[in-house]
Amino acid sequence: LTPILAHPERFKYYAINKQRFVQLHNAGALFQ
């Protein structure tokens, strides 16, 4: 299965650690 993360921009814990976005995307999660 190809994981798609729903609206990751809405989670405040990523707003204070934006490199986590990069890590998750690099791990193969698509961002919606």
ModelCIF file with pLDDT and N, C-alpha, C, O atoms, coordinates in Angstrom:
data_MODEL
#
_entry.id   MODEL 
#
_entity.id                         1 
_entity.type                       polymer 
_entity.pdbx_number_of_molecules   1 
#
_entity_poly.entity_id                      1 
_entity_poly.type                           'polypeptide(L)' 
_entity_poly.nstd_linkage                   no 
_entity_poly.nstd_monomer                   no 
_entity_poly.pdbx_seq_one_letter_code       LTPILAHPERFKYYAINKQRFVQLHNAGALFQ 
_entity_poly.pdbx_seq_one_letter_code_can   LTPILAHPERFKYYAINKQRFVQLHNAGALFQ 
_entity_poly.pdbx_strand_id                 A 
#
loop_
_entity_poly_seq.entity_id 
_entity_poly_seq.num 
_entity_poly_seq.mon_id 
_entity_poly_seq.hetero 
1 1  LEU n 
1 2  THR n 
1 3  PRO n 
1 4  ILE n 
1 5  LEU n 
1 6  ALA n 
1 7  HIS n 
1 8  PRO n 
1 9  GLU n 
1 10 ARG n 
1 11 PHE n 
1 12 LYS n 
1 13 TYR n 
1 14 TYR n 
1 15 ALA n 
1 16 ILE n 
1 17 ASN n 
1 18 LYS n 
1 19 GLN n 
1 20 ARG n 
1 21 PHE n 
1 22 VAL n 
1 23 GLN n 
1 24 LEU n 
1 25 HIS n 
1 26 ASN n 
1 27 ALA n 
1 28 GLY n 
1 29 ALA n 
1 30 LEU n 
1 31 PHE n 
1 32 GLN n 
#
_struct_asym.id          A 
_struct_asym.entity_id   1 
#
loop_
_ma_qa_metric.id 
_ma_qa_metric.mode 
_ma_qa_metric.name 
_ma_qa_metric.software_group_id 
_ma_qa_metric.type 
1 global pLDDT . pLDDT 
2 local  pLDDT . pLDDT 
#
_ma_qa_metric_global.metric_id      1 
_ma_qa_metric_global.metric_value   97.41 
_ma_qa_metric_global.model_id       1 
_ma_qa_metric_global.ordinal_id     1 
#
loop_
_ma_qa_metric_local.label_asym_id 
_ma_qa_metric_local.label_comp_id 
_ma_qa_metric_local.label_seq_id 
_ma_qa_metric_local.metric_id 
_ma_qa_metric_local.metric_value 
_ma_qa_metric_local.model_id 
_ma_qa_metric_local.ordinal_id 
A LEU 1  2 97.00 1 1  
A THR 2  2 97.00 1 2  
A PRO 3  2 98.00 1 3  
A ILE 4  2 98.00 1 4  
A LEU 5  2 98.00 1 5  
A ALA 6  2 98.00 1 6  
A HIS 7  2 98.00 1 7  
A PRO 8  2 98.00 1 8  
A GLU 9  2 98.00 1 9  
A ARG 10 2 97.00 1 10 
A PHE 11 2 97.00 1 11 
A LYS 12 2 96.00 1 12 
A TYR 13 2 96.00 1 13 
A TYR 14 2 97.00 1 14 
A ALA 15 2 96.00 1 15 
A ILE 16 2 96.00 1 16 
A ASN 17 2 96.00 1 17 
A LYS 18 2 97.00 1 18 
A GLN 19 2 97.00 1 19 
A ARG 20 2 98.00 1 20 
A PHE 21 2 98.00 1 21 
A VAL 22 2 98.00 1 22 
A GLN 23 2 98.00 1 23 
A LEU 24 2 98.00 1 24 
A HIS 25 2 98.00 1 25 
A ASN 26 2 98.00 1 26 
A ALA 27 2 97.00 1 27 
A GLY 28 2 97.00 1 28 
A ALA 29 2 98.00 1 29 
A LEU 30 2 98.00 1 30 
A PHE 31 2 98.00 1 31 
A GLN 32 2 98.00 1 32 
#
loop_
_atom_site.group_PDB 
_atom_site.id 
_atom_site.type_symbol 
_atom_site.label_atom_id 
_atom_site.label_alt_id 
_atom_site.label_comp_id 
_atom_site.label_asym_id 
_atom_site.label_entity_id 
_atom_site.label_seq_id 
_atom_site.pdbx_PDB_ins_code 
_atom_site.Cartn_x 
_atom_site.Cartn_y 
_atom_site.Cartn_z 
_atom_site.occupancy 
_atom_site.B_iso_or_equiv 
_atom_site.pdbx_formal_charge 
_atom_site.auth_seq_id 
_atom_site.auth_comp_id 
_atom_site.auth_asym_id 
_atom_site.auth_atom_id 
_atom_site.pdbx_PDB_model_num 
ATOM 1   N N  . LEU A 1 1  ? 0.845  -1.185 0.000  1.00 97.00 ? 1  LEU A N  1 
ATOM 2   C CA . LEU A 1 1  ? 0.000  0.000  0.000  1.00 97.00 ? 1  LEU A CA 1 
ATOM 3   C C  . LEU A 1 1  ? 0.885  1.241  0.000  1.00 97.00 ? 1  LEU A C  1 
ATOM 4   O O  . LEU A 1 1  ? 1.935  1.260  0.643  1.00 97.00 ? 1  LEU A O  1 
ATOM 5   N N  . THR A 1 2  ? 0.467  2.262  -0.711 1.00 97.00 ? 2  THR A N  1 
ATOM 6   C CA . THR A 1 2  ? 1.174  3.541  -0.692 1.00 97.00 ? 2  THR A CA 1 
ATOM 7   C C  . THR A 1 2  ? 0.491  4.467  0.296  1.00 97.00 ? 2  THR A C  1 
ATOM 8   O O  . THR A 1 2  ? -0.664 4.838  0.085  1.00 97.00 ? 2  THR A O  1 
ATOM 9   N N  . PRO A 1 3  ? 1.173  4.851  1.371  1.00 98.00 ? 3  PRO A N  1 
ATOM 10  C CA . PRO A 1 3  ? 0.534  5.715  2.372  1.00 98.00 ? 3  PRO A CA 1 
ATOM 11  C C  . PRO A 1 3  ? 0.438  7.160  1.904  1.00 98.00 ? 3  PRO A C  1 
ATOM 12  O O  . PRO A 1 3  ? 1.391  7.721  1.364  1.00 98.00 ? 3  PRO A O  1 
ATOM 13  N N  . ILE A 1 4  ? -0.717 7.742  2.119  1.00 98.00 ? 4  ILE A N  1 
ATOM 14  C CA . ILE A 1 4  ? -0.935 9.170  1.899  1.00 98.00 ? 4  ILE A CA 1 
ATOM 15  C C  . ILE A 1 4  ? -1.321 9.772  3.236  1.00 98.00 ? 4  ILE A C  1 
ATOM 16  O O  . ILE A 1 4  ? -2.306 9.350  3.842  1.00 98.00 ? 4  ILE A O  1 
ATOM 17  N N  . LEU A 1 5  ? -0.562 10.750 3.704  1.00 98.00 ? 5  LEU A N  1 
ATOM 18  C CA . LEU A 1 5  ? -0.895 11.411 4.963  1.00 98.00 ? 5  LEU A CA 1 
ATOM 19  C C  . LEU A 1 5  ? -1.888 12.534 4.697  1.00 98.00 ? 5  LEU A C  1 
ATOM 20  O O  . LEU A 1 5  ? -1.611 13.451 3.925  1.00 98.00 ? 5  LEU A O  1 
ATOM 21  N N  . ALA A 1 6  ? -3.042 12.453 5.341  1.00 98.00 ? 6  ALA A N  1 
ATOM 22  C CA . ALA A 1 6  ? -4.082 13.459 5.174  1.00 98.00 ? 6  ALA A CA 1 
ATOM 23  C C  . ALA A 1 6  ? -3.697 14.736 5.913  1.00 98.00 ? 6  ALA A C  1 
ATOM 24  O O  . ALA A 1 6  ? -3.307 14.708 7.080  1.00 98.00 ? 6  ALA A O  1 
ATOM 25  N N  . HIS A 1 7  ? -3.816 15.843 5.211  1.00 98.00 ? 7  HIS A N  1 
ATOM 26  C CA . HIS A 1 7  ? -3.616 17.204 5.725  1.00 98.00 ? 7  HIS A CA 1 
ATOM 27  C C  . HIS A 1 7  ? -2.558 17.317 6.837  1.00 98.00 ? 7  HIS A C  1 
ATOM 28  O O  . HIS A 1 7  ? -2.892 17.737 7.945  1.00 98.00 ? 7  HIS A O  1 
ATOM 29  N N  . PRO A 1 8  ? -1.304 16.960 6.574  1.00 98.00 ? 8  PRO A N  1 
ATOM 30  C CA . PRO A 1 8  ? -0.264 17.073 7.616  1.00 98.00 ? 8  PRO A CA 1 
ATOM 31  C C  . PRO A 1 8  ? -0.055 18.504 8.083  1.00 98.00 ? 8  PRO A C  1 
ATOM 32  O O  . PRO A 1 8  ? 0.451  18.727 9.183  1.00 98.00 ? 8  PRO A O  1 
ATOM 33  N N  . GLU A 1 9  ? -0.435 19.471 7.267  1.00 98.00 ? 9  GLU A N  1 
ATOM 34  C CA . GLU A 1 9  ? -0.256 20.878 7.652  1.00 98.00 ? 9  GLU A CA 1 
ATOM 35  C C  . GLU A 1 9  ? -1.108 21.268 8.846  1.00 98.00 ? 9  GLU A C  1 
ATOM 36  O O  . GLU A 1 9  ? -0.841 22.290 9.479  1.00 98.00 ? 9  GLU A O  1 
ATOM 37  N N  . ARG A 1 10 ? -2.123 20.485 9.170  1.00 97.00 ? 10 ARG A N  1 
ATOM 38  C CA . ARG A 1 10 ? -3.038 20.851 10.257 1.00 97.00 ? 10 ARG A CA 1 
ATOM 39  C C  . ARG A 1 10 ? -2.539 20.435 11.638 1.00 97.00 ? 10 ARG A C  1 
ATOM 40  O O  . ARG A 1 10 ? -3.165 20.769 12.644 1.00 97.00 ? 10 ARG A O  1 
ATOM 41  N N  . PHE A 1 11 ? -1.430 19.718 11.699 1.00 97.00 ? 11 PHE A N  1 
ATOM 42  C CA . PHE A 1 11 ? -0.943 19.219 12.981 1.00 97.00 ? 11 PHE A CA 1 
ATOM 43  C C  . PHE A 1 11 ? 0.150  20.144 13.517 1.00 97.00 ? 11 PHE A C  1 
ATOM 44  O O  . PHE A 1 11 ? 1.209  20.293 12.907 1.00 97.00 ? 11 PHE A O  1 
ATOM 45  N N  . LYS A 1 12 ? -0.122 20.755 14.651 1.00 96.00 ? 12 LYS A N  1 
ATOM 46  C CA . LYS A 1 12 ? 0.774  21.783 15.171 1.00 96.00 ? 12 LYS A CA 1 
ATOM 47  C C  . LYS A 1 12 ? 2.141  21.234 15.546 1.00 96.00 ? 12 LYS A C  1 
ATOM 48  O O  . LYS A 1 12 ? 3.127  21.970 15.533 1.00 96.00 ? 12 LYS A O  1 
ATOM 49  N N  . TYR A 1 13 ? 2.212  19.946 15.881 1.00 96.00 ? 13 TYR A N  1 
ATOM 50  C CA . TYR A 1 13 ? 3.501  19.400 16.272 1.00 96.00 ? 13 TYR A CA 1 
ATOM 51  C C  . TYR A 1 13 ? 4.468  19.328 15.095 1.00 96.00 ? 13 TYR A C  1 
ATOM 52  O O  . TYR A 1 13 ? 5.679  19.241 15.297 1.00 96.00 ? 13 TYR A O  1 
ATOM 53  N N  . TYR A 1 14 ? 3.953  19.363 13.874 1.00 97.00 ? 14 TYR A N  1 
ATOM 54  C CA . TYR A 1 14 ? 4.852  19.446 12.718 1.00 97.00 ? 14 TYR A CA 1 
ATOM 55  C C  . TYR A 1 14 ? 5.260  20.896 12.439 1.00 97.00 ? 14 TYR A C  1 
ATOM 56  O O  . TYR A 1 14 ? 6.345  21.149 11.916 1.00 97.00 ? 14 TYR A O  1 
ATOM 57  N N  . ALA A 1 15 ? 4.404  21.826 12.783 1.00 96.00 ? 15 ALA A N  1 
ATOM 58  C CA . ALA A 1 15 ? 4.719  23.239 12.543 1.00 96.00 ? 15 ALA A CA 1 
ATOM 59  C C  . ALA A 1 15 ? 5.959  23.680 13.311 1.00 96.00 ? 15 ALA A C  1 
ATOM 60  O O  . ALA A 1 15 ? 6.671  24.586 12.879 1.00 96.00 ? 15 ALA A O  1 
ATOM 61  N N  . ILE A 1 16 ? 6.218  23.038 14.453 1.00 96.00 ? 16 ILE A N  1 
ATOM 62  C CA . ILE A 1 16 ? 7.392  23.419 15.249 1.00 96.00 ? 16 ILE A CA 1 
ATOM 63  C C  . ILE A 1 16 ? 8.579  22.508 14.964 1.00 96.00 ? 16 ILE A C  1 
ATOM 64  O O  . ILE A 1 16 ? 9.645  22.662 15.560 1.00 96.00 ? 16 ILE A O  1 
ATOM 65  N N  . ASN A 1 17 ? 8.395  21.575 14.064 1.00 96.00 ? 17 ASN A N  1 
ATOM 66  C CA . ASN A 1 17 ? 9.486  20.673 13.686 1.00 96.00 ? 17 ASN A CA 1 
ATOM 67  C C  . ASN A 1 17 ? 9.309  20.295 12.219 1.00 96.00 ? 17 ASN A C  1 
ATOM 68  O O  . ASN A 1 17 ? 8.992  19.152 11.890 1.00 96.00 ? 17 ASN A O  1 
ATOM 69  N N  . LYS A 1 18 ? 9.518  21.268 11.354 1.00 97.00 ? 18 LYS A N  1 
ATOM 70  C CA . LYS A 1 18 ? 9.211  21.066 9.935  1.00 97.00 ? 18 LYS A CA 1 
ATOM 71  C C  . LYS A 1 18 ? 10.122 20.046 9.272  1.00 97.00 ? 18 LYS A C  1 
ATOM 72  O O  . LYS A 1 18 ? 9.769  19.505 8.224  1.00 97.00 ? 18 LYS A O  1 
ATOM 73  N N  . GLN A 1 19 ? 11.275 19.768 9.847  1.00 97.00 ? 19 GLN A N  1 
ATOM 74  C CA . GLN A 1 19 ? 12.120 18.733 9.262  1.00 97.00 ? 19 GLN A CA 1 
ATOM 75  C C  . GLN A 1 19 ? 11.457 17.354 9.337  1.00 97.00 ? 19 GLN A C  1 
ATOM 76  O O  . GLN A 1 19 ? 11.814 16.435 8.599  1.00 97.00 ? 19 GLN A O  1 
ATOM 77  N N  . ARG A 1 20 ? 10.501 17.234 10.233 1.00 98.00 ? 20 ARG A N  1 
ATOM 78  C CA . ARG A 1 20 ? 9.761  15.961 10.308 1.00 98.00 ? 20 ARG A CA 1 
ATOM 79  C C  . ARG A 1 20 ? 8.950  15.744 9.026  1.00 98.00 ? 20 ARG A C  1 
ATOM 80  O O  . ARG A 1 20 ? 8.791  14.610 8.575  1.00 98.00 ? 20 ARG A O  1 
ATOM 81  N N  . PHE A 1 21 ? 8.443  16.825 8.445  1.00 98.00 ? 21 PHE A N  1 
ATOM 82  C CA . PHE A 1 21 ? 7.795  16.722 7.145  1.00 98.00 ? 21 PHE A CA 1 
ATOM 83  C C  . PHE A 1 21 ? 8.734  16.054 6.136  1.00 98.00 ? 21 PHE A C  1 
ATOM 84  O O  . PHE A 1 21 ? 8.346  15.131 5.421  1.00 98.00 ? 21 PHE A O  1 
ATOM 85  N N  . VAL A 1 22 ? 9.955  16.535 6.098  1.00 98.00 ? 22 VAL A N  1 
ATOM 86  C CA . VAL A 1 22 ? 10.938 16.031 5.138  1.00 98.00 ? 22 VAL A CA 1 
ATOM 87  C C  . VAL A 1 22 ? 11.224 14.554 5.391  1.00 98.00 ? 22 VAL A C  1 
ATOM 88  O O  . VAL A 1 22 ? 11.301 13.761 4.453  1.00 98.00 ? 22 VAL A O  1 
ATOM 89  N N  . GLN A 1 23 ? 11.379 14.191 6.656  1.00 98.00 ? 23 GLN A N  1 
ATOM 90  C CA . GLN A 1 23 ? 11.664 12.794 7.002  1.00 98.00 ? 23 GLN A CA 1 
ATOM 91  C C  . GLN A 1 23 ? 10.544 11.869 6.549  1.00 98.00 ? 23 GLN A C  1 
ATOM 92  O O  . GLN A 1 23 ? 10.794 10.819 5.956  1.00 98.00 ? 23 GLN A O  1 
ATOM 93  N N  . LEU A 1 24 ? 9.317  12.262 6.829  1.00 98.00 ? 24 LEU A N  1 
ATOM 94  C CA . LEU A 1 24 ? 8.174  11.413 6.477  1.00 98.00 ? 24 LEU A CA 1 
ATOM 95  C C  . LEU A 1 24 ? 8.017  11.294 4.961  1.00 98.00 ? 24 LEU A C  1 
ATOM 96  O O  . LEU A 1 24 ? 7.730  10.218 4.436  1.00 98.00 ? 24 LEU A O  1 
ATOM 97  N N  . HIS A 1 25 ? 8.206  12.393 4.283  1.00 98.00 ? 25 HIS A N  1 
ATOM 98  C CA . HIS A 1 25 ? 8.089  12.368 2.823  1.00 98.00 ? 25 HIS A CA 1 
ATOM 99  C C  . HIS A 1 25 ? 9.194  11.516 2.215  1.00 98.00 ? 25 HIS A C  1 
ATOM 100 O O  . HIS A 1 25 ? 8.951  10.750 1.283  1.00 98.00 ? 25 HIS A O  1 
ATOM 101 N N  . ASN A 1 26 ? 10.383 11.648 2.732  1.00 98.00 ? 26 ASN A N  1 
ATOM 102 C CA . ASN A 1 26 ? 11.502 10.836 2.239  1.00 98.00 ? 26 ASN A CA 1 
ATOM 103 C C  . ASN A 1 26 ? 11.301 9.352  2.521  1.00 98.00 ? 26 ASN A C  1 
ATOM 104 O O  . ASN A 1 26 ? 11.849 8.500  1.821  1.00 98.00 ? 26 ASN A O  1 
ATOM 105 N N  . ALA A 1 27 ? 10.506 9.045  3.558  1.00 97.00 ? 27 ALA A N  1 
ATOM 106 C CA . ALA A 1 27 ? 10.219 7.649  3.900  1.00 97.00 ? 27 ALA A CA 1 
ATOM 107 C C  . ALA A 1 27 ? 9.168  7.024  2.984  1.00 97.00 ? 27 ALA A C  1 
ATOM 108 O O  . ALA A 1 27 ? 8.870  5.836  3.102  1.00 97.00 ? 27 ALA A O  1 
ATOM 109 N N  . GLY A 1 28 ? 8.611  7.811  2.081  1.00 97.00 ? 28 GLY A N  1 
ATOM 110 C CA . GLY A 1 28 ? 7.661  7.269  1.113  1.00 97.00 ? 28 GLY A CA 1 
ATOM 111 C C  . GLY A 1 28 ? 6.214  7.645  1.330  1.00 97.00 ? 28 GLY A C  1 
ATOM 112 O O  . GLY A 1 28 ? 5.340  7.166  0.606  1.00 97.00 ? 28 GLY A O  1 
ATOM 113 N N  . ALA A 1 29 ? 5.933  8.501  2.322  1.00 98.00 ? 29 ALA A N  1 
ATOM 114 C CA . ALA A 1 29 ? 4.565  8.947  2.547  1.00 98.00 ? 29 ALA A CA 1 
ATOM 115 C C  . ALA A 1 29 ? 4.257  10.120 1.621  1.00 98.00 ? 29 ALA A C  1 
ATOM 116 O O  . ALA A 1 29 ? 4.988  11.111 1.603  1.00 98.00 ? 29 ALA A O  1 
ATOM 117 N N  . LEU A 1 30 ? 3.184  10.009 0.862  1.00 98.00 ? 30 LEU A N  1 
ATOM 118 C CA . LEU A 1 30 ? 2.723  11.139 0.064  1.00 98.00 ? 30 LEU A CA 1 
ATOM 119 C C  . LEU A 1 30 ? 1.949  12.101 0.963  1.00 98.00 ? 30 LEU A C  1 
ATOM 120 O O  . LEU A 1 30 ? 1.370  11.686 1.967  1.00 98.00 ? 30 LEU A O  1 
ATOM 121 N N  . PHE A 1 31 ? 1.939  13.370 0.607  1.00 98.00 ? 31 PHE A N  1 
ATOM 122 C CA . PHE A 1 31 ? 1.256  14.390 1.404  1.00 98.00 ? 31 PHE A CA 1 
ATOM 123 C C  . PHE A 1 31 ? 0.053  14.930 0.644  1.00 98.00 ? 31 PHE A C  1 
ATOM 124 O O  . PHE A 1 31 ? 0.167  15.398 -0.489 1.00 98.00 ? 31 PHE A O  1 
ATOM 125 N N  . GLN A 1 32 ? -1.105 14.852 1.299  1.00 98.00 ? 32 GLN A N  1 
ATOM 126 C CA . GLN A 1 32 ? -2.324 15.452 0.772  1.00 98.00 ? 32 GLN A CA 1 
ATOM 127 C C  . GLN A 1 32 ? -2.660 16.661 1.624  1.00 98.00 ? 32 GLN A C  1 
ATOM 128 O O  . GLN A 1 32 ? -3.657 17.337 1.371  1.00 98.00 ? 32 GLN A O  1 
#
